[in-house]
Amino acid sequence: MKKYRKYFALLAVILTVMLIVSGCSSGNPNTSTPPHGGPYGWIFKWISLPLQNIMLQVAHSIKGANGAGWAIVIITLVVRIILLPLMLSQQKKSVTQQEKMSRLQPQMKLIQNAMKHKGLTPEQQMTLSTWQRELYSKNNVSLTGGIGCLPLLIQMPIMLGIYQAVAYSAVLKDATFFGISLSSKSLVLAIVATVFAVIQGYISLIGIPEEQKKTMQSMMFMNPIMTLFFSLSFSGALALYWAAGNFVMIIQQLIVTFFIQPREKARIARELKEKPIVQVVTQAKIDDLFSNHSAAAGNDKKTQELHQDLRKRNQGKQKNKK
């Protein structure tokens, strides 16, 4: 269950994005009056309106039908470049986690197999859970390490700002990007964004151990599915934002896979030579855990039989007295 927590957290954040953006469009779709009060009014004033002005200026400078679309691409690139150090730092931590977890796999398999033991008692389960925590803590492996949802949370106001900028502008409502409407849903942009997500996911699996690759494949399928669903649910402007963002993610993943990952693997290998993996769980400890339980169960059974024998003797004595 623990390995799926980050997926659940990501799904929760994405659903939050959907609720926020859909909440913004829950009113009359024909109205061009922007929100003035509440969080949507604040976002429109401080984020959407500046983005709207930037998009109009870029569209005016380019002097073409695709100006507003290129403005969204430029905004996306700027946001991604600002987030790049944070994203690379988190992905570096994720690589470190993966390398250390691969070295812990033999001990983890012992615990996982023991958890499947028939007749596992609560005491034994608690002991195994304790060993698992010790295995992580003594080897400096975090249960919550890896890529978090902070980058997506940072982008949420930007996504909502782009949506409002197009929705509440008479000029941008009619804007197109290579003939694709930015105010209507776009199947083409949704497919492009999804293809970029698939490519990024495929590259992220290069150089990953087989055991961890199986776990990561679920994430590889989840990202494109979510991208397709949300790109088809909202305007072409947001689909274009996700398409441009996923293209940048491909470049970012190439940096991680072919530069950061090899360096981090070499560093972890040097570090483990100086400070080897701490052995917390062995097959002998697992066998001892279950043999002690069997012996204790046997002793309890013998004690119960002895008590039953004594009761029978006492009952026989009482009958003889009568």
Protein backbone atom coordinates (compact mmCIF):
# COMPACT_ATOMS: atom_id res chain seq x y z
CA MET A 1 0.00 0.00 0.00
CA LYS A 2 2.86 2.39 0.82
CA LYS A 3 4.29 2.28 -2.71
CA TYR A 4 0.99 3.65 -4.07
CA ARG A 5 0.76 6.60 -1.67
CA LYS A 6 2.52 8.99 -4.03
CA TYR A 7 0.16 7.99 -6.83
CA PHE A 8 -2.85 8.67 -4.63
CA ALA A 9 -1.37 12.03 -3.62
CA LEU A 10 -0.76 12.96 -7.26
CA LEU A 11 -4.27 11.90 -8.20
CA ALA A 12 -5.69 14.00 -5.35
CA VAL A 13 -3.78 17.07 -6.56
CA ILE A 14 -4.91 16.55 -10.16
CA LEU A 15 -8.52 16.16 -9.06
CA THR A 16 -8.13 19.39 -7.09
CA VAL A 17 -6.94 21.10 -10.28
CA MET A 18 -10.01 19.79 -12.09
CA LEU A 19 -12.37 21.02 -9.37
CA ILE A 20 -10.76 24.45 -9.25
CA VAL A 21 -10.78 24.99 -13.00
CA SER A 22 -14.26 23.55 -13.48
CA GLY A 23 -15.48 25.69 -10.60
CA CYS A 24 -14.28 28.69 -12.48
CA SER A 25 -16.41 27.74 -15.47
CA SER A 26 -19.47 26.64 -13.56
CA GLY A 27 -21.30 29.86 -14.24
CA ASN A 28 -22.93 30.99 -17.44
CA PRO A 29 -20.54 30.09 -20.28
CA ASN A 30 -21.80 32.97 -22.40
CA THR A 31 -20.89 35.69 -19.94
CA SER A 32 -17.64 37.63 -20.31
CA THR A 33 -17.77 39.20 -16.84
CA PRO A 34 -14.68 38.16 -14.84
CA PRO A 35 -14.97 37.22 -11.14
CA HIS A 36 -14.44 40.05 -8.65
CA GLY A 37 -14.73 38.44 -5.23
CA GLY A 38 -13.36 35.39 -3.48
CA PRO A 39 -10.30 33.36 -4.49
CA TYR A 40 -11.22 33.36 -8.19
CA GLY A 41 -11.45 37.16 -8.16
CA TRP A 42 -8.06 37.40 -6.44
CA ILE A 43 -6.46 35.03 -8.96
CA PHE A 44 -8.01 36.96 -11.86
CA LYS A 45 -6.71 40.28 -10.54
CA TRP A 46 -3.14 39.23 -9.73
CA ILE A 47 -2.49 36.35 -12.15
CA SER A 48 -5.05 36.12 -14.95
CA LEU A 49 -5.13 39.83 -15.84
CA PRO A 50 -1.31 40.13 -16.13
CA LEU A 51 -1.20 36.93 -18.18
CA GLN A 52 -4.02 38.25 -20.35
CA ASN A 53 -2.07 41.47 -21.02
CA ILE A 54 1.09 39.48 -21.84
CA MET A 55 -0.81 37.26 -24.27
CA LEU A 56 -2.40 40.28 -25.96
CA GLN A 57 0.99 42.05 -26.24
CA VAL A 58 2.69 38.98 -27.70
CA ALA A 59 -0.21 38.44 -30.12
CA HIS A 60 0.07 42.09 -31.18
CA SER A 61 3.87 41.84 -31.58
CA ILE A 62 3.77 38.65 -33.64
CA LYS A 63 0.94 40.09 -35.75
CA GLY A 64 -0.50 36.75 -36.71
CA ALA A 65 -3.35 34.45 -35.89
CA ASN A 66 -1.08 32.27 -33.74
CA GLY A 67 0.16 35.04 -31.43
CA ALA A 68 -1.96 34.11 -28.39
CA GLY A 69 -0.94 30.47 -28.69
CA TRP A 70 2.75 31.35 -28.86
CA ALA A 71 2.22 33.53 -25.79
CA ILE A 72 0.93 30.48 -23.88
CA VAL A 73 3.97 28.48 -25.05
CA ILE A 74 6.32 31.26 -23.88
CA ILE A 75 4.56 31.49 -20.50
CA THR A 76 4.85 27.71 -20.14
CA LEU A 77 8.58 27.79 -20.92
CA VAL A 78 9.18 30.56 -18.38
CA VAL A 79 7.27 28.70 -15.66
CA ARG A 80 9.08 25.44 -16.42
CA ILE A 81 12.50 27.11 -16.45
CA ILE A 82 11.77 28.66 -13.04
CA LEU A 83 10.70 25.26 -11.73
CA LEU A 84 13.57 23.37 -13.38
CA PRO A 85 16.04 23.53 -10.42
CA LEU A 86 13.33 22.27 -8.06
CA MET A 87 12.26 19.49 -10.44
CA LEU A 88 15.85 18.35 -11.06
CA SER A 89 16.55 18.38 -7.32
CA GLN A 90 13.51 16.21 -6.63
CA GLN A 91 14.33 13.81 -9.44
CA LYS A 92 17.89 13.52 -8.13
CA LYS A 93 16.47 12.52 -4.74
CA SER A 94 14.22 10.02 -6.52
CA VAL A 95 17.24 8.44 -8.26
CA THR A 96 19.03 8.20 -4.89
CA GLN A 97 15.97 6.49 -3.41
CA GLN A 98 15.77 4.02 -6.30
CA GLU A 99 19.45 3.10 -6.02
CA LYS A 100 19.27 2.53 -2.27
CA MET A 101 16.00 0.62 -2.53
CA SER A 102 17.55 -1.71 -5.11
CA ARG A 103 20.26 -2.60 -2.58
CA LEU A 104 17.63 -3.27 0.08
CA GLN A 105 15.57 -5.58 -2.15
CA PRO A 106 16.97 -8.88 -0.76
CA GLN A 107 15.97 -7.93 2.79
CA MET A 108 12.67 -6.46 1.63
CA LYS A 109 11.79 -9.73 -0.14
CA LEU A 110 12.41 -11.63 3.11
CA ILE A 111 9.96 -9.35 4.93
CA GLN A 112 7.39 -9.45 2.11
CA ASN A 113 7.49 -13.25 1.94
CA ALA A 114 7.19 -13.48 5.73
CA MET A 115 4.12 -11.22 5.59
CA LYS A 116 2.43 -13.83 3.38
CA HIS A 117 3.01 -16.58 5.96
CA LYS A 118 -0.14 -18.48 6.87
CA GLY A 119 -1.30 -17.99 10.44
CA LEU A 120 0.65 -14.75 10.88
CA THR A 121 -0.09 -13.38 14.35
CA PRO A 122 -0.45 -9.65 15.20
CA GLU A 123 2.76 -9.88 17.26
CA GLN A 124 4.69 -11.33 14.33
CA GLN A 125 3.26 -8.73 11.96
CA MET A 126 4.33 -5.96 14.35
CA THR A 127 7.84 -7.43 14.54
CA LEU A 128 8.13 -7.54 10.75
CA SER A 129 6.88 -3.95 10.46
CA THR A 130 9.45 -2.87 13.04
CA TRP A 131 12.22 -4.58 11.09
CA GLN A 132 11.06 -2.82 7.93
CA ARG A 133 11.20 0.59 9.63
CA GLU A 134 14.64 -0.20 11.02
CA LEU A 135 15.80 -1.28 7.57
CA TYR A 136 14.83 2.11 6.14
CA SER A 137 16.07 4.24 9.03
CA LYS A 138 19.46 2.49 9.48
CA ASN A 139 20.17 2.82 5.77
CA ASN A 140 18.97 6.44 5.47
CA VAL A 141 16.09 5.66 3.11
CA SER A 142 13.02 7.85 3.41
CA LEU A 143 9.53 6.40 3.03
CA THR A 144 8.35 9.70 1.52
CA GLY A 145 11.30 10.38 -0.75
CA GLY A 146 11.12 11.02 -4.47
CA ILE A 147 9.16 13.43 -6.59
CA GLY A 148 6.45 15.27 -4.71
CA CYS A 149 3.45 17.30 -5.79
CA LEU A 150 4.93 20.75 -5.04
CA PRO A 151 5.72 21.60 -8.70
CA LEU A 152 2.13 20.81 -9.69
CA LEU A 153 0.77 22.85 -6.79
CA ILE A 154 2.89 25.83 -7.88
CA GLN A 155 1.52 25.55 -11.42
CA MET A 156 -2.14 25.44 -10.35
CA PRO A 157 -2.56 29.25 -10.17
CA ILE A 158 -0.84 29.58 -13.56
CA MET A 159 -3.17 27.03 -15.16
CA LEU A 160 -6.22 28.75 -13.69
CA GLY A 161 -4.81 32.11 -14.76
CA ILE A 162 -4.44 30.99 -18.39
CA TYR A 163 -7.96 29.57 -18.35
CA GLN A 164 -9.42 32.83 -17.04
CA ALA A 165 -7.25 34.96 -19.34
CA VAL A 166 -8.77 33.31 -22.41
CA ALA A 167 -12.29 32.88 -21.03
CA TYR A 168 -12.72 36.55 -20.03
CA SER A 169 -11.19 38.28 -23.04
CA ALA A 170 -13.24 39.09 -26.13
CA VAL A 171 -10.07 39.05 -28.25
CA LEU A 172 -8.54 35.83 -26.86
CA LYS A 173 -11.86 33.97 -27.01
CA ASP A 174 -11.57 34.02 -30.80
CA ALA A 175 -7.82 33.29 -30.78
CA THR A 176 -6.48 30.19 -32.51
CA PHE A 177 -3.18 28.30 -32.69
CA PHE A 178 -2.59 26.91 -36.19
CA GLY A 179 -6.35 26.85 -36.70
CA ILE A 180 -7.10 25.26 -33.29
CA SER A 181 -9.44 27.25 -31.03
CA LEU A 182 -7.96 28.18 -27.65
CA SER A 183 -11.36 28.65 -26.02
CA SER A 184 -12.87 25.33 -27.10
CA LYS A 185 -11.85 21.75 -26.36
CA SER A 186 -9.22 20.41 -28.75
CA LEU A 187 -8.71 16.72 -29.54
CA VAL A 188 -5.54 17.47 -31.51
CA LEU A 189 -3.80 19.30 -28.65
CA ALA A 190 -4.98 16.64 -26.19
CA ILE A 191 -3.38 13.91 -28.32
CA VAL A 192 -0.14 15.89 -28.69
CA ALA A 193 0.05 16.47 -24.91
CA THR A 194 -0.63 12.76 -24.29
CA VAL A 195 2.03 11.59 -26.77
CA PHE A 196 4.60 13.83 -25.09
CA ALA A 197 3.59 12.36 -21.71
CA VAL A 198 4.09 8.81 -23.06
CA ILE A 199 7.56 9.69 -24.42
CA GLN A 200 8.58 11.25 -21.12
CA GLY A 201 7.35 8.20 -19.22
CA TYR A 202 9.24 5.80 -21.52
CA ILE A 203 12.50 7.71 -21.10
CA SER A 204 12.06 7.70 -17.31
CA LEU A 205 12.20 3.86 -17.31
CA ILE A 206 15.62 3.70 -19.00
CA GLY A 207 18.29 2.40 -16.61
CA ILE A 208 15.79 1.48 -13.86
CA PRO A 209 16.14 -1.96 -12.18
CA GLU A 210 13.48 -4.45 -13.25
CA GLU A 211 11.94 -4.73 -9.77
CA GLN A 212 11.36 -0.97 -9.56
CA LYS A 213 10.43 -0.69 -13.23
CA LYS A 214 7.32 -2.81 -12.59
CA THR A 215 6.19 -0.34 -9.94
CA MET A 216 6.99 2.73 -12.05
CA GLN A 217 5.11 1.39 -15.08
CA SER A 218 1.82 2.12 -13.34
CA MET A 219 2.89 5.76 -13.10
CA MET A 220 3.97 5.71 -16.75
CA PHE A 221 0.43 4.73 -17.79
CA MET A 222 -1.29 6.98 -15.25
CA ASN A 223 0.29 10.26 -16.45
CA PRO A 224 -0.78 9.96 -20.13
CA ILE A 225 -4.28 8.84 -19.17
CA MET A 226 -4.69 11.81 -16.82
CA THR A 227 -3.21 14.16 -19.42
CA LEU A 228 -5.66 12.96 -22.08
CA PHE A 229 -8.64 13.15 -19.73
CA PHE A 230 -7.97 16.68 -18.49
CA SER A 231 -6.88 18.00 -21.89
CA LEU A 232 -10.21 16.86 -23.30
CA SER A 233 -12.12 18.27 -20.32
CA PHE A 234 -10.96 21.89 -20.60
CA SER A 235 -10.15 24.51 -23.22
CA GLY A 236 -7.52 24.29 -25.91
CA ALA A 237 -5.51 26.92 -24.03
CA LEU A 238 -4.94 24.53 -21.11
CA ALA A 239 -4.31 21.62 -23.49
CA LEU A 240 -1.64 23.74 -25.18
CA TYR A 241 -0.15 24.56 -21.77
CA TRP A 242 0.08 20.84 -20.93
CA ALA A 243 1.49 19.98 -24.37
CA ALA A 244 4.24 22.60 -24.09
CA GLY A 245 4.90 21.61 -20.48
CA ASN A 246 5.19 17.90 -21.35
CA PHE A 247 7.61 18.76 -24.17
CA VAL A 248 9.83 20.51 -21.62
CA MET A 249 9.44 17.47 -19.34
CA ILE A 250 10.93 15.30 -22.12
CA ILE A 251 14.04 17.51 -22.20
CA GLN A 252 14.18 17.48 -18.40
CA GLN A 253 13.89 13.67 -18.33
CA LEU A 254 16.70 13.33 -20.86
CA ILE A 255 18.93 15.37 -18.53
CA VAL A 256 17.98 13.16 -15.58
CA THR A 257 18.30 9.83 -17.40
CA PHE A 258 21.58 10.41 -19.22
CA PHE A 259 23.41 12.85 -16.92
CA ILE A 260 22.07 12.91 -13.36
CA GLN A 261 21.21 9.21 -13.06
CA PRO A 262 24.66 7.82 -14.03
CA ARG A 263 26.42 10.30 -11.73
CA GLU A 264 24.14 9.51 -8.82
CA LYS A 265 24.55 5.77 -9.32
CA ALA A 266 28.33 6.14 -9.25
CA ARG A 267 28.15 8.32 -6.12
CA ILE A 268 25.90 5.84 -4.29
CA ALA A 269 28.26 2.99 -5.26
CA ARG A 270 31.22 4.88 -3.74
CA GLU A 271 29.19 5.75 -0.66
CA LEU A 272 28.16 2.12 -0.09
CA LYS A 273 31.77 0.96 -0.32
CA GLU A 274 32.61 3.17 2.64
CA LYS A 275 29.36 2.51 4.49
CA PRO A 276 27.79 -0.79 3.37
CA ILE A 277 24.09 -1.61 3.67
CA VAL A 278 23.14 -2.44 7.26
CA GLN A 279 21.84 -5.99 7.61
CA VAL A 280 18.63 -5.82 9.64
CA VAL A 281 16.74 -8.89 8.42
CA THR A 282 18.12 -12.36 7.69
CA GLN A 283 16.51 -15.68 6.85
CA ALA A 284 17.71 -16.97 10.21
CA LYS A 285 15.81 -14.19 12.04
CA ILE A 286 12.68 -14.93 10.02
CA ASP A 287 12.93 -18.67 10.79
CA ASP A 288 13.55 -17.93 14.46
CA LEU A 289 10.49 -15.65 14.58
CA PHE A 290 8.19 -18.41 13.33
CA SER A 291 9.90 -21.28 15.20
CA ASN A 292 9.54 -19.43 18.52
CA HIS A 293 5.86 -18.94 17.77
CA SER A 294 5.46 -22.66 16.94
CA ALA A 295 7.25 -23.64 20.14
CA ALA A 296 5.09 -21.26 22.18
CA ALA A 297 1.97 -22.63 20.53
CA GLY A 298 3.12 -26.17 21.32
CA ASN A 299 3.74 -25.29 24.95
CA ASP A 300 0.29 -23.72 25.19
CA LYS A 301 -1.23 -26.87 23.75
CA LYS A 302 0.62 -29.07 26.25
CA THR A 303 -0.46 -26.82 29.12
CA GLN A 304 -4.08 -27.04 27.99
CA GLU A 305 -3.87 -30.84 27.75
CA LEU A 306 -2.36 -31.04 31.25
CA HIS A 307 -5.16 -28.88 32.67
CA GLN A 308 -7.77 -31.02 30.96
CA ASP A 309 -6.14 -34.20 32.35
CA LEU A 310 -6.12 -32.76 35.89
CA ARG A 311 -9.80 -31.82 35.58
CA LYS A 312 -10.68 -35.35 34.50
CA ARG A 313 -8.76 -36.83 37.44
CA ASN A 314 -10.48 -34.51 39.91
CA GLN A 315 -13.86 -35.39 38.45
CA GLY A 316 -13.02 -39.12 38.81
CA LYS A 317 -11.97 -38.69 42.45
CA GLN A 318 -15.21 -36.85 43.27
CA LYS A 319 -17.29 -39.69 41.72
CA ASN A 320 -15.41 -42.33 43.76
CA LYS A 321 -16.07 -40.42 47.01
CA LYS A 322 -19.77 -40.43 46.26
